[in-house]
Amino acid sequence: MVKPLMILTVSAVLLSGCATVRDSRVNPFNWFGGGPSQQDAVLNPGDAANPLIPARRRNLLGLRKEAGPYQGRPIAEISELLVERRSGGAIIRASGVADRLGPFDVRLIPLPDENGTLSYTLSALQAAGPRDTSPWSRTVTVALWLTEQELTGINTVRVVGRDNQLVTRR
């Protein structure tokens, strides 16, 4: 037991004092080169390409598919409307219950402005599916961020559905 411990201690002391291992090919940190680091080119704020946003994909033929107009239909019943104040603006959050199961791509579509009223239609794409009896499975929620500049002069927020509408005052 003493002999292996002595050999281990002596070899550790000898290897730690050997500075040439640091620069040799035996050291795995030297295997892929220790070239100098290079700084990436910084994009100008005016450049249109943002590296964080993925490029538009193309199909097999190299053609881009342009998105058509939004085909959403108004949600049947608006169940909740909240305007939550945050620093720098407000979040408008609306919930509604759809007719059928599985609504998706929910949006707040702006309506023409009236004096001091901001109006939206709560719409969603809805496939022809079964009519479920549970309102929980048909409930959708969408939120929209508005800045203080967009909210200047707005006193009332209104969200319209197919069967009803909800109004809240700021």
Protein backbone atom coordinates (compact mmCIF):
# COMPACT_ATOMS: atom_id res chain seq x y z
CA MET A 1 0.00 0.00 0.00
CA VAL A 2 2.85 2.35 0.82
CA LYS A 3 4.72 1.61 -2.40
CA PRO A 4 1.89 2.66 -4.85
CA LEU A 5 1.22 5.76 -2.78
CA MET A 6 4.93 6.73 -2.91
CA ILE A 7 5.05 6.22 -6.69
CA LEU A 8 1.92 8.33 -7.20
CA THR A 9 3.26 11.16 -5.06
CA VAL A 10 6.68 11.23 -6.75
CA SER A 11 5.17 11.16 -10.26
CA ALA A 12 2.77 13.98 -9.39
CA VAL A 13 5.60 16.15 -8.11
CA LEU A 14 7.76 15.45 -11.16
CA LEU A 15 4.98 16.16 -13.65
CA SER A 16 3.88 19.35 -11.97
CA GLY A 17 7.40 20.75 -12.23
CA CYS A 18 7.68 19.92 -15.91
CA ALA A 19 6.71 23.08 -17.81
CA THR A 20 7.37 21.69 -21.28
CA VAL A 21 4.23 19.49 -21.21
CA ARG A 22 2.19 22.65 -21.44
CA ASP A 23 3.53 23.36 -24.96
CA SER A 24 3.80 19.78 -26.21
CA ARG A 25 1.46 17.74 -28.43
CA VAL A 26 0.63 15.48 -25.49
CA ASN A 27 -1.50 18.22 -23.93
CA PRO A 28 -5.10 17.91 -25.29
CA PHE A 29 -5.63 21.67 -25.02
CA ASN A 30 -3.11 22.13 -27.85
CA TRP A 31 -4.71 19.65 -30.26
CA PHE A 32 -6.98 22.12 -32.08
CA GLY A 33 -4.66 25.06 -32.23
CA GLY A 34 -4.43 28.00 -29.95
CA GLY A 35 -4.92 30.69 -32.56
CA PRO A 36 -5.70 34.22 -31.58
CA SER A 37 -9.33 35.10 -31.01
CA GLN A 38 -11.04 37.24 -33.61
CA GLN A 39 -13.80 39.71 -33.03
CA ASP A 40 -16.91 39.27 -35.19
CA ALA A 41 -18.02 42.10 -37.39
CA VAL A 42 -20.64 44.26 -35.70
CA LEU A 43 -23.71 45.08 -37.76
CA ASN A 44 -24.63 48.70 -38.17
CA PRO A 45 -28.00 49.63 -36.69
CA GLY A 46 -29.17 50.52 -40.20
CA ASP A 47 -28.53 47.03 -41.59
CA ALA A 48 -31.67 45.13 -42.53
CA ALA A 49 -30.30 41.67 -41.66
CA ASN A 50 -30.63 40.71 -38.01
CA PRO A 51 -28.68 37.55 -37.13
CA LEU A 52 -31.12 36.71 -34.33
CA ILE A 53 -34.09 36.51 -36.68
CA PRO A 54 -34.01 33.37 -38.87
CA ALA A 55 -34.02 33.86 -42.62
CA ARG A 56 -37.19 33.06 -44.49
CA ARG A 57 -37.28 29.48 -45.55
CA ARG A 58 -37.96 28.36 -49.04
CA ASN A 59 -39.66 25.21 -50.26
CA LEU A 60 -38.01 22.52 -52.41
CA LEU A 61 -38.30 24.57 -55.60
CA GLY A 62 -36.71 27.61 -53.98
CA LEU A 63 -39.91 29.63 -53.94
CA ARG A 64 -41.16 31.57 -50.96
CA LYS A 65 -44.75 31.14 -49.97
CA GLU A 66 -46.27 34.54 -49.26
CA ALA A 67 -48.75 34.69 -46.43
CA GLY A 68 -52.26 35.52 -47.58
CA PRO A 69 -54.77 37.62 -45.68
CA TYR A 70 -55.76 36.49 -42.21
CA GLN A 71 -58.81 34.20 -42.42
CA GLY A 72 -59.77 34.23 -38.74
CA ARG A 73 -63.39 34.47 -37.59
CA PRO A 74 -64.58 36.34 -34.50
CA ILE A 75 -64.72 34.32 -31.28
CA ALA A 76 -68.26 33.58 -30.13
CA GLU A 77 -68.18 35.09 -26.64
CA ILE A 78 -65.72 37.46 -24.96
CA SER A 79 -65.35 36.33 -21.35
CA GLU A 80 -62.63 38.60 -19.93
CA LEU A 81 -60.95 41.91 -20.75
CA LEU A 82 -58.12 43.36 -18.67
CA VAL A 83 -55.91 46.39 -19.18
CA GLU A 84 -52.82 45.92 -17.03
CA ARG A 85 -50.65 49.00 -16.49
CA ARG A 86 -46.91 48.41 -16.82
CA SER A 87 -43.98 50.78 -16.95
CA GLY A 88 -43.82 52.26 -20.42
CA GLY A 89 -47.34 51.23 -21.45
CA ALA A 90 -50.06 48.67 -20.84
CA ILE A 91 -50.97 45.09 -21.71
CA ILE A 92 -54.43 44.43 -23.10
CA ARG A 93 -55.44 40.85 -22.33
CA ALA A 94 -58.66 39.36 -23.69
CA SER A 95 -60.13 35.88 -23.27
CA GLY A 96 -62.98 34.32 -25.12
CA VAL A 97 -64.85 31.08 -25.65
CA ALA A 98 -65.05 29.67 -29.18
CA ASP A 99 -67.91 27.66 -30.72
CA ARG A 100 -65.84 24.65 -31.61
CA LEU A 101 -62.92 22.77 -30.19
CA GLY A 102 -59.37 23.71 -31.22
CA PRO A 103 -59.16 27.40 -32.16
CA PHE A 104 -55.64 28.59 -32.96
CA ASP A 105 -53.70 31.63 -34.22
CA VAL A 106 -55.67 34.00 -32.01
CA ARG A 107 -55.34 37.73 -32.76
CA LEU A 108 -56.72 41.08 -31.74
CA ILE A 109 -57.65 42.75 -35.03
CA PRO A 110 -57.83 46.56 -34.73
CA LEU A 111 -61.06 48.29 -35.74
CA PRO A 112 -61.27 51.91 -36.96
CA ASP A 113 -60.58 54.36 -34.13
CA GLU A 114 -63.34 56.38 -32.59
CA ASN A 115 -62.86 59.40 -30.31
CA GLY A 116 -60.94 58.14 -27.29
CA THR A 117 -61.87 54.48 -27.88
CA LEU A 118 -59.51 51.74 -28.96
CA SER A 119 -61.48 48.86 -30.52
CA TYR A 120 -60.41 45.32 -31.42
CA THR A 121 -62.06 42.14 -32.69
CA LEU A 122 -60.96 38.90 -31.00
CA SER A 123 -60.51 36.46 -33.90
CA ALA A 124 -59.09 32.97 -34.32
CA LEU A 125 -58.69 30.35 -37.00
CA GLN A 126 -61.18 27.60 -36.28
CA ALA A 127 -61.31 24.21 -37.94
CA ALA A 128 -64.60 22.45 -38.43
CA GLY A 129 -64.37 20.23 -35.37
CA PRO A 130 -66.67 18.84 -32.72
CA ARG A 131 -68.69 21.08 -30.47
CA ASP A 132 -67.37 20.31 -27.01
CA THR A 133 -69.54 20.99 -24.01
CA SER A 134 -66.67 22.10 -21.78
CA PRO A 135 -65.91 25.83 -22.09
CA TRP A 136 -62.39 25.28 -20.67
CA SER A 137 -61.28 23.39 -23.76
CA ARG A 138 -62.59 26.14 -26.05
CA THR A 139 -61.18 29.13 -24.13
CA VAL A 140 -58.45 31.20 -25.78
CA THR A 141 -56.45 34.16 -24.47
CA VAL A 142 -54.47 36.78 -26.35
CA ALA A 143 -52.45 39.76 -25.14
CA LEU A 144 -51.24 42.92 -26.85
CA TRP A 145 -48.58 45.40 -25.66
CA LEU A 146 -49.24 49.10 -26.23
CA THR A 147 -46.78 51.87 -25.40
CA GLU A 148 -47.64 55.10 -23.61
CA GLN A 149 -47.44 56.96 -26.94
CA GLU A 150 -50.03 54.63 -28.49
CA LEU A 151 -52.30 55.09 -25.47
CA THR A 152 -52.30 58.89 -25.43
CA GLY A 153 -55.84 60.18 -25.74
CA ILE A 154 -57.37 56.70 -25.23
CA ASN A 155 -59.99 56.50 -22.48
CA THR A 156 -61.78 53.27 -23.37
CA VAL A 157 -60.72 49.87 -24.69
CA ARG A 158 -63.35 47.71 -26.39
CA VAL A 159 -63.04 44.09 -27.58
CA VAL A 160 -65.77 42.76 -29.85
CA GLY A 161 -66.74 39.14 -30.36
CA ARG A 162 -69.45 37.57 -32.49
CA ASP A 163 -72.16 37.58 -29.80
CA ASN A 164 -70.99 40.21 -27.29
CA GLN A 165 -68.44 42.88 -26.49
CA LEU A 166 -66.61 43.98 -23.37
CA VAL A 167 -65.54 47.54 -22.59
CA THR A 168 -63.10 48.77 -19.98
CA ARG A 169 -62.07 52.27 -19.05
CA ARG A 170 -58.55 53.32 -18.18
